[in-house]
Amino acid sequence: MTQLLEQAFSEAARLSELEQNVVARWLLLELASEKRWMETFADSEDLLSDLADEALAEHMQGKTKLLD
């Protein structure tokens, strides 16, 4: 565990039981959300690559224009 995380847990340990549960629930929800994002991006890697290839091909064919 990093020193920063240890410091955060140490500070959280000083909170009331109710506040500790709020912090814990928030942290668990954030970790679950991050996991879902990582899985979503991992599952869409091929699709994103295909879209990037398509965009580059259109650019090479002169079908795009620069934005200001």
PDB file of N, CA and C in Angstrom:
ATOM      1  N   MET A   1       0.843  -1.170   0.000  1.00  0.00           N
ATOM      2  CA  MET A   1       0.000   0.000   0.000  1.00  0.00           C
ATOM      3  C   MET A   1       0.894   1.242   0.000  1.00  0.00           C
ATOM      4  N   THR A   2       0.512   2.231  -0.771  1.00  0.00           N
ATOM      5  CA  THR A   2       1.316   3.442  -0.853  1.00  0.00           C
ATOM      6  C   THR A   2       1.148   4.279   0.414  1.00  0.00           C
ATOM      7  N   GLN A   3       2.092   5.171   0.612  1.00  0.00           N
ATOM      8  CA  GLN A   3       2.015   6.051   1.780  1.00  0.00           C
ATOM      9  C   GLN A   3       0.794   6.960   1.702  1.00  0.00           C
ATOM     10  N   LEU A   4       0.487   7.424   0.502  1.00  0.00           N
ATOM     11  CA  LEU A   4      -0.668   8.308   0.345  1.00  0.00           C
ATOM     12  C   LEU A   4      -1.961   7.585   0.692  1.00  0.00           C
ATOM     13  N   LEU A   5      -2.094   6.343   0.243  1.00  0.00           N
ATOM     14  CA  LEU A   5      -3.297   5.585   0.563  1.00  0.00           C
ATOM     15  C   LEU A   5      -3.367   5.295   2.062  1.00  0.00           C
ATOM     16  N   GLU A   6      -2.226   4.982   2.660  1.00  0.00           N
ATOM     17  CA  GLU A   6      -2.191   4.773   4.110  1.00  0.00           C
ATOM     18  C   GLU A   6      -2.622   6.034   4.841  1.00  0.00           C
ATOM     19  N   GLN A   7      -2.171   7.188   4.366  1.00  0.00           N
ATOM     20  CA  GLN A   7      -2.546   8.460   4.978  1.00  0.00           C
ATOM     21  C   GLN A   7      -4.056   8.683   4.855  1.00  0.00           C
ATOM     22  N   ALA A   8      -4.597   8.390   3.682  1.00  0.00           N
ATOM     23  CA  ALA A   8      -6.037   8.559   3.478  1.00  0.00           C
ATOM     24  C   ALA A   8      -6.833   7.652   4.408  1.00  0.00           C
ATOM     25  N   PHE A   9      -6.411   6.398   4.541  1.00  0.00           N
ATOM     26  CA  PHE A   9      -7.113   5.476   5.431  1.00  0.00           C
ATOM     27  C   PHE A   9      -6.963   5.901   6.889  1.00  0.00           C
ATOM     28  N   SER A  10      -5.811   6.431   7.230  1.00  0.00           N
ATOM     29  CA  SER A  10      -5.590   6.907   8.589  1.00  0.00           C
ATOM     30  C   SER A  10      -6.528   8.064   8.909  1.00  0.00           C
ATOM     31  N   GLU A  11      -6.666   8.986   7.964  1.00  0.00           N
ATOM     32  CA  GLU A  11      -7.592  10.104   8.148  1.00  0.00           C
ATOM     33  C   GLU A  11      -9.029   9.605   8.225  1.00  0.00           C
ATOM     34  N   ALA A  12      -9.381   8.683   7.361  1.00  0.00           N
ATOM     35  CA  ALA A  12     -10.743   8.151   7.347  1.00  0.00           C
ATOM     36  C   ALA A  12     -11.059   7.415   8.647  1.00  0.00           C
ATOM     37  N   ALA A  13     -10.054   6.799   9.252  1.00  0.00           N
ATOM     38  CA  ALA A  13     -10.265   6.056  10.500  1.00  0.00           C
ATOM     39  C   ALA A  13     -10.663   6.988  11.639  1.00  0.00           C
ATOM     40  N   ARG A  14     -10.393   8.267  11.503  1.00  0.00           N
ATOM     41  CA  ARG A  14     -10.748   9.246  12.542  1.00  0.00           C
ATOM     42  C   ARG A  14     -12.211   9.701  12.431  1.00  0.00           C
ATOM     43  N   LEU A  15     -12.856   9.353  11.337  1.00  0.00           N
ATOM     44  CA  LEU A  15     -14.244   9.745  11.123  1.00  0.00           C
ATOM     45  C   LEU A  15     -15.177   8.878  11.956  1.00  0.00           C
ATOM     46  N   SER A  16     -16.406   9.340  12.081  1.00  0.00           N
ATOM     47  CA  SER A  16     -17.416   8.525  12.771  1.00  0.00           C
ATOM     48  C   SER A  16     -17.686   7.267  11.949  1.00  0.00           C
ATOM     49  N   GLU A  17     -18.329   6.303  12.568  1.00  0.00           N
ATOM     50  CA  GLU A  17     -18.639   5.052  11.863  1.00  0.00           C
ATOM     51  C   GLU A  17     -19.493   5.322  10.628  1.00  0.00           C
ATOM     52  N   LEU A  18     -20.464   6.192  10.758  1.00  0.00           N
ATOM     53  CA  LEU A  18     -21.329   6.529   9.627  1.00  0.00           C
ATOM     54  C   LEU A  18     -20.510   7.157   8.496  1.00  0.00           C
ATOM     55  N   GLU A  19     -19.642   8.118   8.834  1.00  0.00           N
ATOM     56  CA  GLU A  19     -18.817   8.764   7.816  1.00  0.00           C
ATOM     57  C   GLU A  19     -17.832   7.786   7.184  1.00  0.00           C
ATOM     58  N   GLN A  20     -17.301   6.871   7.966  1.00  0.00           N
ATOM     59  CA  GLN A  20     -16.399   5.850   7.420  1.00  0.00           C
ATOM     60  C   GLN A  20     -17.143   4.986   6.413  1.00  0.00           C
ATOM     61  N   ASN A  21     -18.377   4.637   6.725  1.00  0.00           N
ATOM     62  CA  ASN A  21     -19.166   3.823   5.797  1.00  0.00           C
ATOM     63  C   ASN A  21     -19.467   4.587   4.511  1.00  0.00           C
ATOM     64  N   VAL A  22     -19.706   5.891   4.618  1.00  0.00           N
ATOM     65  CA  VAL A  22     -19.949   6.704   3.428  1.00  0.00           C
ATOM     66  C   VAL A  22     -18.703   6.712   2.551  1.00  0.00           C
ATOM     67  N   VAL A  23     -17.545   6.936   3.164  1.00  0.00           N
ATOM     68  CA  VAL A  23     -16.286   6.958   2.416  1.00  0.00           C
ATOM     69  C   VAL A  23     -16.015   5.589   1.798  1.00  0.00           C
ATOM     70  N   ALA A  24     -16.232   4.543   2.561  1.00  0.00           N
ATOM     71  CA  ALA A  24     -15.991   3.183   2.069  1.00  0.00           C
ATOM     72  C   ALA A  24     -16.906   2.850   0.892  1.00  0.00           C
ATOM     73  N   ARG A  25     -18.178   3.203   1.019  1.00  0.00           N
ATOM     74  CA  ARG A  25     -19.127   2.926  -0.066  1.00  0.00           C
ATOM     75  C   ARG A  25     -18.730   3.694  -1.319  1.00  0.00           C
ATOM     76  N   TRP A  26     -18.337   4.978  -1.149  1.00  0.00           N
ATOM     77  CA  TRP A  26     -17.913   5.795  -2.284  1.00  0.00           C
ATOM     78  C   TRP A  26     -16.693   5.166  -2.963  1.00  0.00           C
ATOM     79  N   LEU A  27     -15.710   4.754  -2.164  1.00  0.00           N
ATOM     80  CA  LEU A  27     -14.495   4.167  -2.727  1.00  0.00           C
ATOM     81  C   LEU A  27     -14.806   2.875  -3.475  1.00  0.00           C
ATOM     82  N   LEU A  28     -15.622   2.038  -2.903  1.00  0.00           N
ATOM     83  CA  LEU A  28     -15.979   0.778  -3.567  1.00  0.00           C
ATOM     84  C   LEU A  28     -16.728   1.030  -4.872  1.00  0.00           C
ATOM     85  N   LEU A  29     -17.628   2.014  -4.878  1.00  0.00           N
ATOM     86  CA  LEU A  29     -18.343   2.347  -6.112  1.00  0.00           C
ATOM     87  C   LEU A  29     -17.390   2.897  -7.173  1.00  0.00           C
ATOM     88  N   GLU A  30     -16.441   3.723  -6.764  1.00  0.00           N
ATOM     89  CA  GLU A  30     -15.461   4.263  -7.707  1.00  0.00           C
ATOM     90  C   GLU A  30     -14.590   3.160  -8.300  1.00  0.00           C
ATOM     91  N   LEU A  31     -14.157   2.234  -7.465  1.00  0.00           N
ATOM     92  CA  LEU A  31     -13.331   1.124  -7.952  1.00  0.00           C
ATOM     93  C   LEU A  31     -14.117   0.242  -8.920  1.00  0.00           C
ATOM     94  N   ALA A  32     -15.381  -0.011  -8.604  1.00  0.00           N
ATOM     95  CA  ALA A  32     -16.224  -0.815  -9.496  1.00  0.00           C
ATOM     96  C   ALA A  32     -16.443  -0.087 -10.817  1.00  0.00           C
ATOM     97  N   SER A  33     -16.659   1.215 -10.748  1.00  0.00           N
ATOM     98  CA  SER A  33     -16.856   2.004 -11.960  1.00  0.00           C
ATOM     99  C   SER A  33     -15.602   1.987 -12.830  1.00  0.00           C
ATOM    100  N   GLU A  34     -14.457   2.143 -12.206  1.00  0.00           N
ATOM    101  CA  GLU A  34     -13.189   2.108 -12.950  1.00  0.00           C
ATOM    102  C   GLU A  34     -12.993   0.755 -13.622  1.00  0.00           C
ATOM    103  N   LYS A  35     -13.340  -0.310 -12.919  1.00  0.00           N
ATOM    104  CA  LYS A  35     -13.216  -1.658 -13.488  1.00  0.00           C
ATOM    105  C   LYS A  35     -14.121  -1.807 -14.717  1.00  0.00           C
ATOM    106  N   ARG A  36     -15.363  -1.288 -14.605  1.00  0.00           N
ATOM    107  CA  ARG A  36     -16.281  -1.376 -15.752  1.00  0.00           C
ATOM    108  C   ARG A  36     -15.737  -0.600 -16.945  1.00  0.00           C
ATOM    109  N   TRP A  37     -15.184   0.605 -16.711  1.00  0.00           N
ATOM    110  CA  TRP A  37     -14.604   1.394 -17.799  1.00  0.00           C
ATOM    111  C   TRP A  37     -13.455   0.646 -18.456  1.00  0.00           C
ATOM    112  N   MET A  38     -12.582   0.069 -17.649  1.00  0.00           N
ATOM    113  CA  MET A  38     -11.442  -0.661 -18.195  1.00  0.00           C
ATOM    114  C   MET A  38     -11.906  -1.846 -19.036  1.00  0.00           C
ATOM    115  N   GLU A  39     -12.916  -2.562 -18.553  1.00  0.00           N
ATOM    116  CA  GLU A  39     -13.448  -3.695 -19.312  1.00  0.00           C
ATOM    117  C   GLU A  39     -14.107  -3.222 -20.601  1.00  0.00           C
ATOM    118  N   THR A  40     -14.830  -2.121 -20.537  1.00  0.00           N
ATOM    119  CA  THR A  40     -15.495  -1.581 -21.722  1.00  0.00           C
ATOM    120  C   THR A  40     -14.478  -1.184 -22.775  1.00  0.00           C
ATOM    121  N   PHE A  41     -13.436  -0.474 -22.355  1.00  0.00           N
ATOM    122  CA  PHE A  41     -12.411  -0.061 -23.312  1.00  0.00           C
ATOM    123  C   PHE A  41     -11.645  -1.267 -23.855  1.00  0.00           C
ATOM    124  N   ALA A  42     -11.381  -2.247 -23.022  1.00  0.00           N
ATOM    125  CA  ALA A  42     -10.671  -3.440 -23.483  1.00  0.00           C
ATOM    126  C   ALA A  42     -11.515  -4.188 -24.520  1.00  0.00           C
ATOM    127  N   ASP A  43     -12.827  -4.245 -24.273  1.00  0.00           N
ATOM    128  CA  ASP A  43     -13.719  -4.944 -25.200  1.00  0.00           C
ATOM    129  C   ASP A  43     -13.903  -4.180 -26.506  1.00  0.00           C
ATOM    130  N   SER A  44     -13.677  -2.859 -26.489  1.00  0.00           N
ATOM    131  CA  SER A  44     -13.919  -2.058 -27.683  1.00  0.00           C
ATOM    132  C   SER A  44     -12.628  -1.714 -28.436  1.00  0.00           C
ATOM    133  N   GLU A  45     -11.510  -2.296 -28.017  1.00  0.00           N
ATOM    134  CA  GLU A  45     -10.228  -1.967 -28.644  1.00  0.00           C
ATOM    135  C   GLU A  45     -10.241  -2.212 -30.155  1.00  0.00           C
ATOM    136  N   ASP A  46     -10.779  -3.336 -30.586  1.00  0.00           N
ATOM    137  CA  ASP A  46     -10.835  -3.638 -32.020  1.00  0.00           C
ATOM    138  C   ASP A  46     -11.729  -2.646 -32.755  1.00  0.00           C
ATOM    139  N   LEU A  47     -12.871  -2.328 -32.156  1.00  0.00           N
ATOM    140  CA  LEU A  47     -13.786  -1.371 -32.783  1.00  0.00           C
ATOM    141  C   LEU A  47     -13.119  -0.001 -32.907  1.00  0.00           C
ATOM    142  N   LEU A  48     -12.463   0.451 -31.844  1.00  0.00           N
ATOM    143  CA  LEU A  48     -11.787   1.746 -31.894  1.00  0.00           C
ATOM    144  C   LEU A  48     -10.677   1.752 -32.941  1.00  0.00           C
ATOM    145  N   SER A  49      -9.961   0.661 -33.052  1.00  0.00           N
ATOM    146  CA  SER A  49      -8.904   0.553 -34.055  1.00  0.00           C
ATOM    147  C   SER A  49      -9.486   0.633 -35.458  1.00  0.00           C
ATOM    148  N   ASP A  50     -10.597  -0.066 -35.687  1.00  0.00           N
ATOM    149  CA  ASP A  50     -11.264  -0.028 -36.994  1.00  0.00           C
ATOM    150  C   ASP A  50     -11.740   1.381 -37.329  1.00  0.00           C
ATOM    151  N   LEU A  51     -12.320   2.071 -36.337  1.00  0.00           N
ATOM    152  CA  LEU A  51     -12.784   3.435 -36.561  1.00  0.00           C
ATOM    153  C   LEU A  51     -11.618   4.373 -36.866  1.00  0.00           C
ATOM    154  N   ALA A  52     -10.505   4.191 -36.175  1.00  0.00           N
ATOM    155  CA  ALA A  52      -9.321   5.015 -36.433  1.00  0.00           C
ATOM    156  C   ALA A  52      -8.795   4.764 -37.835  1.00  0.00           C
ATOM    157  N   ASP A  53      -8.739   3.509 -38.246  1.00  0.00           N
ATOM    158  CA  ASP A  53      -8.287   3.183 -39.611  1.00  0.00           C
ATOM    159  C   ASP A  53      -9.201   3.821 -40.650  1.00  0.00           C
ATOM    160  N   GLU A  54     -10.501   3.763 -40.399  1.00  0.00           N
ATOM    161  CA  GLU A  54     -11.468   4.354 -41.318  1.00  0.00           C
ATOM    162  C   GLU A  54     -11.282   5.871 -41.403  1.00  0.00           C
ATOM    163  N   ALA A  55     -11.085   6.505 -40.263  1.00  0.00           N
ATOM    164  CA  ALA A  55     -10.884   7.957 -40.246  1.00  0.00           C
ATOM    165  C   ALA A  55      -9.605   8.342 -40.978  1.00  0.00           C
ATOM    166  N   LEU A  56      -8.538   7.591 -40.770  1.00  0.00           N
ATOM    167  CA  LEU A  56      -7.277   7.876 -41.467  1.00  0.00           C
ATOM    168  C   LEU A  56      -7.423   7.686 -42.969  1.00  0.00           C
ATOM    169  N   ALA A  57      -8.137   6.648 -43.372  1.00  0.00           N
ATOM    170  CA  ALA A  57      -8.344   6.409 -44.806  1.00  0.00           C
ATOM    171  C   ALA A  57      -9.141   7.554 -45.426  1.00  0.00           C
ATOM    172  N   GLU A  58     -10.167   8.019 -44.752  1.00  0.00           N
ATOM    173  CA  GLU A  58     -10.947   9.138 -45.267  1.00  0.00           C
ATOM    174  C   GLU A  58     -10.098  10.402 -45.353  1.00  0.00           C
ATOM    175  N   HIS A  59      -9.234  10.591 -44.379  1.00  0.00           N
ATOM    176  CA  HIS A  59      -8.345  11.754 -44.408  1.00  0.00           C
ATOM    177  C   HIS A  59      -7.384  11.667 -45.595  1.00  0.00           C
ATOM    178  N   MET A  60      -6.829  10.493 -45.826  1.00  0.00           N
ATOM    179  CA  MET A  60      -5.885  10.298 -46.933  1.00  0.00           C
ATOM    180  C   MET A  60      -6.588  10.496 -48.289  1.00  0.00           C
ATOM    181  N   GLN A  61      -7.888  10.228 -48.332  1.00  0.00           N
ATOM    182  CA  GLN A  61      -8.662  10.408 -49.577  1.00  0.00           C
ATOM    183  C   GLN A  61      -9.169  11.847 -49.730  1.00  0.00           C
ATOM    184  N   GLY A  62      -8.816  12.712 -48.795  1.00  0.00           N
ATOM    185  CA  GLY A  62      -9.224  14.100 -48.880  1.00  0.00           C
ATOM    186  C   GLY A  62     -10.677  14.349 -48.498  1.00  0.00           C
ATOM    187  N   LYS A  63     -11.259  13.439 -47.772  1.00  0.00           N
ATOM    188  CA  LYS A  63     -12.665  13.567 -47.393  1.00  0.00           C
ATOM    189  C   LYS A  63     -12.855  14.312 -46.074  1.00  0.00           C
ATOM    190  N   THR A  64     -11.772  14.826 -45.504  1.00  0.00           N
ATOM    191  CA  THR A  64     -11.858  15.537 -44.245  1.00  0.00           C
ATOM    192  C   THR A  64     -11.345  16.960 -44.413  1.00  0.00           C
ATOM    193  N   LYS A  65     -11.634  17.803 -43.460  1.00  0.00           N
ATOM    194  CA  LYS A  65     -11.090  19.154 -43.486  1.00  0.00           C
ATOM    195  C   LYS A  65     -10.609  19.524 -42.090  1.00  0.00           C
ATOM    196  N   LEU A  66      -9.616  20.378 -42.024  1.00  0.00           N
ATOM    197  CA  LEU A  66      -9.055  20.812 -40.763  1.00  0.00           C
ATOM    198  C   LEU A  66     -10.024  21.731 -40.051  1.00  0.00           C
ATOM    199  N   LEU A  67     -10.060  21.631 -38.742  1.00  0.00           N
ATOM    200  CA  LEU A  67     -10.890  22.506 -37.933  1.00  0.00           C
ATOM    201  C   LEU A  67     -10.025  23.637 -37.421  1.00  0.00           C
ATOM    202  N   ASP A  68     -10.607  24.794 -37.284  1.00  0.00           N
ATOM    203  CA  ASP A  68      -9.890  25.939 -36.731  1.00  0.00           C
ATOM    204  C   ASP A  68      -9.833  25.881 -35.235  1.00  0.00           C
TER     205      ASP A  68
END
